Every structure is written in C-alpha cells, then in structure tokens.
Amino acid sequence: MLKMQAIKIPDEYKEQIAGQVKVILLSEATPKRYKPLTAISISTKGFKFDRDEANER
C-alpha cells in the first residue's frame, strides 16, 4: 500500500483544483486468475462425535 505519495499536477490544471482530490487508478494489466472453489461432500453416516475425545486433542 502506498502512503504519502505525491502526484504532480500540471500547471494548467492547478487553478481548477481546490481542497482534497480523489484519485482513481486504472490498470491495463491482466488480472491474475484464481481457480474457483469447489464444494466437497463428506458422508457422516455412522459417525459418532465424542466431545470429550475431541477436547483431549
């Protein structure tokens, strides 16, 4: 993250700017693609949960 950076405003535009300025950056770089998340299904049939055993770990 950039902090306290300066952008030089050309002299011909300085009179049009008063107060704070919002700067929007547009990138023409191709965004990195991520693989989508996929759901999984786990059968819990026959599974018996033992809270005391789980807490021992």
PDB file of N, CA and C in Angstrom:
ATOM      1  N   MET A   1       0.846  -1.169   0.000  1.00  0.00           N
ATOM      2  CA  MET A   1       0.000   0.000   0.000  1.00  0.00           C
ATOM      3  C   MET A   1       0.892   1.234   0.000  1.00  0.00           C
ATOM      4  N   LEU A   2       0.588   2.166  -0.858  1.00  0.00           N
ATOM      5  CA  LEU A   2       1.357   3.404  -0.927  1.00  0.00           C
ATOM      6  C   LEU A   2       0.786   4.410   0.052  1.00  0.00           C
ATOM      7  N   LYS A   3       1.667   5.088   0.755  1.00  0.00           N
ATOM      8  CA  LYS A   3       1.239   6.135   1.673  1.00  0.00           C
ATOM      9  C   LYS A   3       2.099   7.356   1.440  1.00  0.00           C
ATOM     10  N   MET A   4       1.477   8.498   1.580  1.00  0.00           N
ATOM     11  CA  MET A   4       2.171   9.782   1.492  1.00  0.00           C
ATOM     12  C   MET A   4       2.931   9.944   0.178  1.00  0.00           C
ATOM     13  N   GLN A   5       2.313   9.564  -0.905  1.00  0.00           N
ATOM     14  CA  GLN A   5       2.920   9.741  -2.216  1.00  0.00           C
ATOM     15  C   GLN A   5       2.359  11.024  -2.839  1.00  0.00           C
ATOM     16  N   ALA A   6       3.082  11.611  -3.760  1.00  0.00           N
ATOM     17  CA  ALA A   6       2.646  12.854  -4.393  1.00  0.00           C
ATOM     18  C   ALA A   6       2.451  12.643  -5.891  1.00  0.00           C
ATOM     19  N   ILE A   7       1.429  13.281  -6.410  1.00  0.00           N
ATOM     20  CA  ILE A   7       1.185  13.277  -7.855  1.00  0.00           C
ATOM     21  C   ILE A   7       1.325  14.720  -8.311  1.00  0.00           C
ATOM     22  N   LYS A   8       2.180  14.945  -9.275  1.00  0.00           N
ATOM     23  CA  LYS A   8       2.393  16.301  -9.765  1.00  0.00           C
ATOM     24  C   LYS A   8       1.250  16.691 -10.702  1.00  0.00           C
ATOM     25  N   ILE A   9       0.603  17.801 -10.375  1.00  0.00           N
ATOM     26  CA  ILE A   9      -0.496  18.316 -11.180  1.00  0.00           C
ATOM     27  C   ILE A   9       0.093  19.314 -12.183  1.00  0.00           C
ATOM     28  N   PRO A  10      -0.211  19.125 -13.469  1.00  0.00           N
ATOM     29  CA  PRO A  10       0.284  20.090 -14.458  1.00  0.00           C
ATOM     30  C   PRO A  10      -0.226  21.504 -14.135  1.00  0.00           C
ATOM     31  N   ASP A  11       0.614  22.506 -14.388  1.00  0.00           N
ATOM     32  CA  ASP A  11       0.289  23.899 -14.054  1.00  0.00           C
ATOM     33  C   ASP A  11      -1.057  24.349 -14.611  1.00  0.00           C
ATOM     34  N   GLU A  12      -1.425  23.893 -15.801  1.00  0.00           N
ATOM     35  CA  GLU A  12      -2.672  24.366 -16.417  1.00  0.00           C
ATOM     36  C   GLU A  12      -3.925  23.869 -15.680  1.00  0.00           C
ATOM     37  N   TYR A  13      -3.776  22.877 -14.803  1.00  0.00           N
ATOM     38  CA  TYR A  13      -4.916  22.342 -14.062  1.00  0.00           C
ATOM     39  C   TYR A  13      -4.945  22.786 -12.600  1.00  0.00           C
ATOM     40  N   LYS A  14      -3.869  23.363 -12.103  1.00  0.00           N
ATOM     41  CA  LYS A  14      -3.773  23.706 -10.683  1.00  0.00           C
ATOM     42  C   LYS A  14      -4.862  24.691 -10.236  1.00  0.00           C
ATOM     43  N   GLU A  15      -5.266  25.613 -11.087  1.00  0.00           N
ATOM     44  CA  GLU A  15      -6.297  26.584 -10.713  1.00  0.00           C
ATOM     45  C   GLU A  15      -7.673  25.930 -10.593  1.00  0.00           C
ATOM     46  N   GLN A  16      -7.897  24.789 -11.231  1.00  0.00           N
ATOM     47  CA  GLN A  16      -9.193  24.118 -11.211  1.00  0.00           C
ATOM     48  C   GLN A  16      -9.369  23.245  -9.965  1.00  0.00           C
ATOM     49  N   ILE A  17      -8.294  23.041  -9.237  1.00  0.00           N
ATOM     50  CA  ILE A  17      -8.329  22.128  -8.097  1.00  0.00           C
ATOM     51  C   ILE A  17      -8.308  22.923  -6.802  1.00  0.00           C
ATOM     52  N   ALA A  18      -9.282  22.627  -5.929  1.00  0.00           N
ATOM     53  CA  ALA A  18      -9.328  23.269  -4.615  1.00  0.00           C
ATOM     54  C   ALA A  18      -9.666  22.200  -3.593  1.00  0.00           C
ATOM     55  N   GLY A  19      -8.935  22.159  -2.503  1.00  0.00           N
ATOM     56  CA  GLY A  19      -9.219  21.189  -1.451  1.00  0.00           C
ATOM     57  C   GLY A  19      -8.692  19.810  -1.787  1.00  0.00           C
ATOM     58  N   GLN A  20      -9.384  18.794  -1.253  1.00  0.00           N
ATOM     59  CA  GLN A  20      -8.947  17.419  -1.454  1.00  0.00           C
ATOM     60  C   GLN A  20      -9.339  16.927  -2.838  1.00  0.00           C
ATOM     61  N   VAL A  21      -8.548  16.000  -3.336  1.00  0.00           N
ATOM     62  CA  VAL A  21      -8.764  15.432  -4.663  1.00  0.00           C
ATOM     63  C   VAL A  21      -8.828  13.916  -4.531  1.00  0.00           C
ATOM     64  N   LYS A  22      -9.787  13.291  -5.205  1.00  0.00           N
ATOM     65  CA  LYS A  22      -9.869  11.832  -5.232  1.00  0.00           C
ATOM     66  C   LYS A  22      -9.175  11.365  -6.502  1.00  0.00           C
ATOM     67  N   VAL A  23      -8.257  10.422  -6.349  1.00  0.00           N
ATOM     68  CA  VAL A  23      -7.503   9.892  -7.476  1.00  0.00           C
ATOM     69  C   VAL A  23      -7.948   8.458  -7.721  1.00  0.00           C
ATOM     70  N   ILE A  24      -8.300   8.150  -8.945  1.00  0.00           N
ATOM     71  CA  ILE A  24      -8.701   6.796  -9.318  1.00  0.00           C
ATOM     72  C   ILE A  24      -7.662   6.265 -10.299  1.00  0.00           C
ATOM     73  N   LEU A  25      -7.085   5.110  -9.968  1.00  0.00           N
ATOM     74  CA  LEU A  25      -6.088   4.488 -10.823  1.00  0.00           C
ATOM     75  C   LEU A  25      -6.726   3.352 -11.606  1.00  0.00           C
ATOM     76  N   LEU A  26      -6.463   3.306 -12.870  1.00  0.00           N
ATOM     77  CA  LEU A  26      -6.934   2.222 -13.716  1.00  0.00           C
ATOM     78  C   LEU A  26      -5.719   1.473 -14.235  1.00  0.00           C
ATOM     79  N   SER A  27      -5.766   0.173 -14.169  1.00  0.00           N
ATOM     80  CA  SER A  27      -4.663  -0.647 -14.634  1.00  0.00           C
ATOM     81  C   SER A  27      -5.068  -1.398 -15.885  1.00  0.00           C
ATOM     82  N   GLU A  28      -4.190  -1.431 -16.835  1.00  0.00           N
ATOM     83  CA  GLU A  28      -4.461  -2.179 -18.056  1.00  0.00           C
ATOM     84  C   GLU A  28      -3.848  -3.571 -18.001  1.00  0.00           C
ATOM     85  N   ALA A  29      -3.237  -3.891 -16.867  1.00  0.00           N
ATOM     86  CA  ALA A  29      -2.633  -5.213 -16.704  1.00  0.00           C
ATOM     87  C   ALA A  29      -3.738  -6.260 -16.583  1.00  0.00           C
ATOM     88  N   THR A  30      -3.467  -7.433 -17.057  1.00  0.00           N
ATOM     89  CA  THR A  30      -4.418  -8.532 -16.958  1.00  0.00           C
ATOM     90  C   THR A  30      -4.470  -9.015 -15.515  1.00  0.00           C
ATOM     91  N   PRO A  31      -5.675  -9.080 -14.929  1.00  0.00           N
ATOM     92  CA  PRO A  31      -5.752  -9.541 -13.542  1.00  0.00           C
ATOM     93  C   PRO A  31      -5.391 -11.009 -13.413  1.00  0.00           C
ATOM     94  N   LYS A  32      -4.824 -11.368 -12.263  1.00  0.00           N
ATOM     95  CA  LYS A  32      -4.447 -12.749 -12.008  1.00  0.00           C
ATOM     96  C   LYS A  32      -5.721 -13.568 -11.835  1.00  0.00           C
ATOM     97  N   ARG A  33      -5.788 -14.692 -12.498  1.00  0.00           N
ATOM     98  CA  ARG A  33      -6.959 -15.565 -12.411  1.00  0.00           C
ATOM     99  C   ARG A  33      -6.750 -16.606 -11.324  1.00  0.00           C
ATOM    100  N   TYR A  34      -7.768 -16.833 -10.543  1.00  0.00           N
ATOM    101  CA  TYR A  34      -7.735 -17.839  -9.490  1.00  0.00           C
ATOM    102  C   TYR A  34      -8.692 -18.957  -9.835  1.00  0.00           C
ATOM    103  N   LYS A  35      -8.345 -20.156  -9.416  1.00  0.00           N
ATOM    104  CA  LYS A  35      -9.241 -21.281  -9.622  1.00  0.00           C
ATOM    105  C   LYS A  35     -10.438 -21.117  -8.693  1.00  0.00           C
ATOM    106  N   PRO A  36     -11.637 -21.357  -9.192  1.00  0.00           N
ATOM    107  CA  PRO A  36     -12.803 -21.228  -8.313  1.00  0.00           C
ATOM    108  C   PRO A  36     -12.808 -22.326  -7.257  1.00  0.00           C
ATOM    109  N   LEU A  37     -13.384 -22.029  -6.118  1.00  0.00           N
ATOM    110  CA  LEU A  37     -13.503 -23.020  -5.061  1.00  0.00           C
ATOM    111  C   LEU A  37     -14.605 -24.006  -5.426  1.00  0.00           C
ATOM    112  N   THR A  38     -14.397 -25.236  -5.071  1.00  0.00           N
ATOM    113  CA  THR A  38     -15.414 -26.239  -5.353  1.00  0.00           C
ATOM    114  C   THR A  38     -15.870 -26.854  -4.036  1.00  0.00           C
ATOM    115  N   ALA A  39     -17.126 -27.234  -3.990  1.00  0.00           N
ATOM    116  CA  ALA A  39     -17.686 -27.822  -2.780  1.00  0.00           C
ATOM    117  C   ALA A  39     -17.347 -29.303  -2.727  1.00  0.00           C
ATOM    118  N   ILE A  40     -17.208 -29.807  -1.513  1.00  0.00           N
ATOM    119  CA  ILE A  40     -16.985 -31.237  -1.346  1.00  0.00           C
ATOM    120  C   ILE A  40     -18.101 -31.784  -0.469  1.00  0.00           C
ATOM    121  N   SER A  41     -18.354 -33.042  -0.604  1.00  0.00           N
ATOM    122  CA  SER A  41     -19.382 -33.696   0.188  1.00  0.00           C
ATOM    123  C   SER A  41     -18.734 -34.832   0.961  1.00  0.00           C
ATOM    124  N   ILE A  42     -18.975 -34.865   2.250  1.00  0.00           N
ATOM    125  CA  ILE A  42     -18.409 -35.908   3.101  1.00  0.00           C
ATOM    126  C   ILE A  42     -19.569 -36.648   3.762  1.00  0.00           C
ATOM    127  N   SER A  43     -19.560 -37.942   3.630  1.00  0.00           N
ATOM    128  CA  SER A  43     -20.604 -38.746   4.262  1.00  0.00           C
ATOM    129  C   SER A  43     -20.295 -38.899   5.739  1.00  0.00           C
ATOM    130  N   THR A  44     -21.246 -38.533   6.581  1.00  0.00           N
ATOM    131  CA  THR A  44     -21.071 -38.675   8.026  1.00  0.00           C
ATOM    132  C   THR A  44     -21.956 -39.789   8.577  1.00  0.00           C
ATOM    133  N   LYS A  45     -22.469 -40.586   7.701  1.00  0.00           N
ATOM    134  CA  LYS A  45     -23.317 -41.697   8.127  1.00  0.00           C
ATOM    135  C   LYS A  45     -22.484 -42.658   8.980  1.00  0.00           C
ATOM    136  N   GLY A  46     -22.970 -42.972  10.151  1.00  0.00           N
ATOM    137  CA  GLY A  46     -22.254 -43.871  11.039  1.00  0.00           C
ATOM    138  C   GLY A  46     -21.204 -43.180  11.895  1.00  0.00           C
ATOM    139  N   PHE A  47     -21.044 -41.870  11.751  1.00  0.00           N
ATOM    140  CA  PHE A  47     -20.049 -41.144  12.547  1.00  0.00           C
ATOM    141  C   PHE A  47     -20.648 -40.776  13.893  1.00  0.00           C
ATOM    142  N   LYS A  48     -19.912 -41.026  14.958  1.00  0.00           N
ATOM    143  CA  LYS A  48     -20.370 -40.673  16.297  1.00  0.00           C
ATOM    144  C   LYS A  48     -19.372 -39.695  16.894  1.00  0.00           C
ATOM    145  N   PHE A  49     -19.860 -38.506  17.261  1.00  0.00           N
ATOM    146  CA  PHE A  49     -19.000 -37.461  17.803  1.00  0.00           C
ATOM    147  C   PHE A  49     -18.864 -37.624  19.305  1.00  0.00           C
ATOM    148  N   ASP A  50     -17.629 -37.636  19.784  1.00  0.00           N
ATOM    149  CA  ASP A  50     -17.350 -37.727  21.212  1.00  0.00           C
ATOM    150  C   ASP A  50     -16.623 -36.442  21.616  1.00  0.00           C
ATOM    151  N   ARG A  51     -17.356 -35.544  22.277  1.00  0.00           N
ATOM    152  CA  ARG A  51     -16.809 -34.238  22.637  1.00  0.00           C
ATOM    153  C   ARG A  51     -15.591 -34.366  23.567  1.00  0.00           C
ATOM    154  N   ASP A  52     -15.639 -35.286  24.524  1.00  0.00           N
ATOM    155  CA  ASP A  52     -14.506 -35.460  25.449  1.00  0.00           C
ATOM    156  C   ASP A  52     -13.253 -35.888  24.692  1.00  0.00           C
ATOM    157  N   GLU A  53     -13.416 -36.802  23.739  1.00  0.00           N
ATOM    158  CA  GLU A  53     -12.267 -37.254  22.945  1.00  0.00           C
ATOM    159  C   GLU A  53     -11.718 -36.110  22.095  1.00  0.00           C
ATOM    160  N   ALA A  54     -12.610 -35.297  21.531  1.00  0.00           N
ATOM    161  CA  ALA A  54     -12.169 -34.177  20.711  1.00  0.00           C
ATOM    162  C   ALA A  54     -11.421 -33.152  21.551  1.00  0.00           C
ATOM    163  N   ASN A  55     -11.871 -32.916  22.786  1.00  0.00           N
ATOM    164  CA  ASN A  55     -11.226 -31.937  23.651  1.00  0.00           C
ATOM    165  C   ASN A  55      -9.869 -32.394  24.161  1.00  0.00           C
ATOM    166  N   GLU A  56      -9.617 -33.691  24.149  1.00  0.00           N
ATOM    167  CA  GLU A  56      -8.322 -34.213  24.578  1.00  0.00           C
ATOM    168  C   GLU A  56      -7.218 -33.801  23.610  1.00  0.00           C
ATOM    169  N   ARG A  57      -7.550 -33.574  22.385  1.00  0.00           N
ATOM    170  CA  ARG A  57      -6.557 -33.211  21.363  1.00  0.00           C
ATOM    171  C   ARG A  57      -6.194 -31.811  21.554  1.00  0.00           C
TER     172      ARG A  57
END
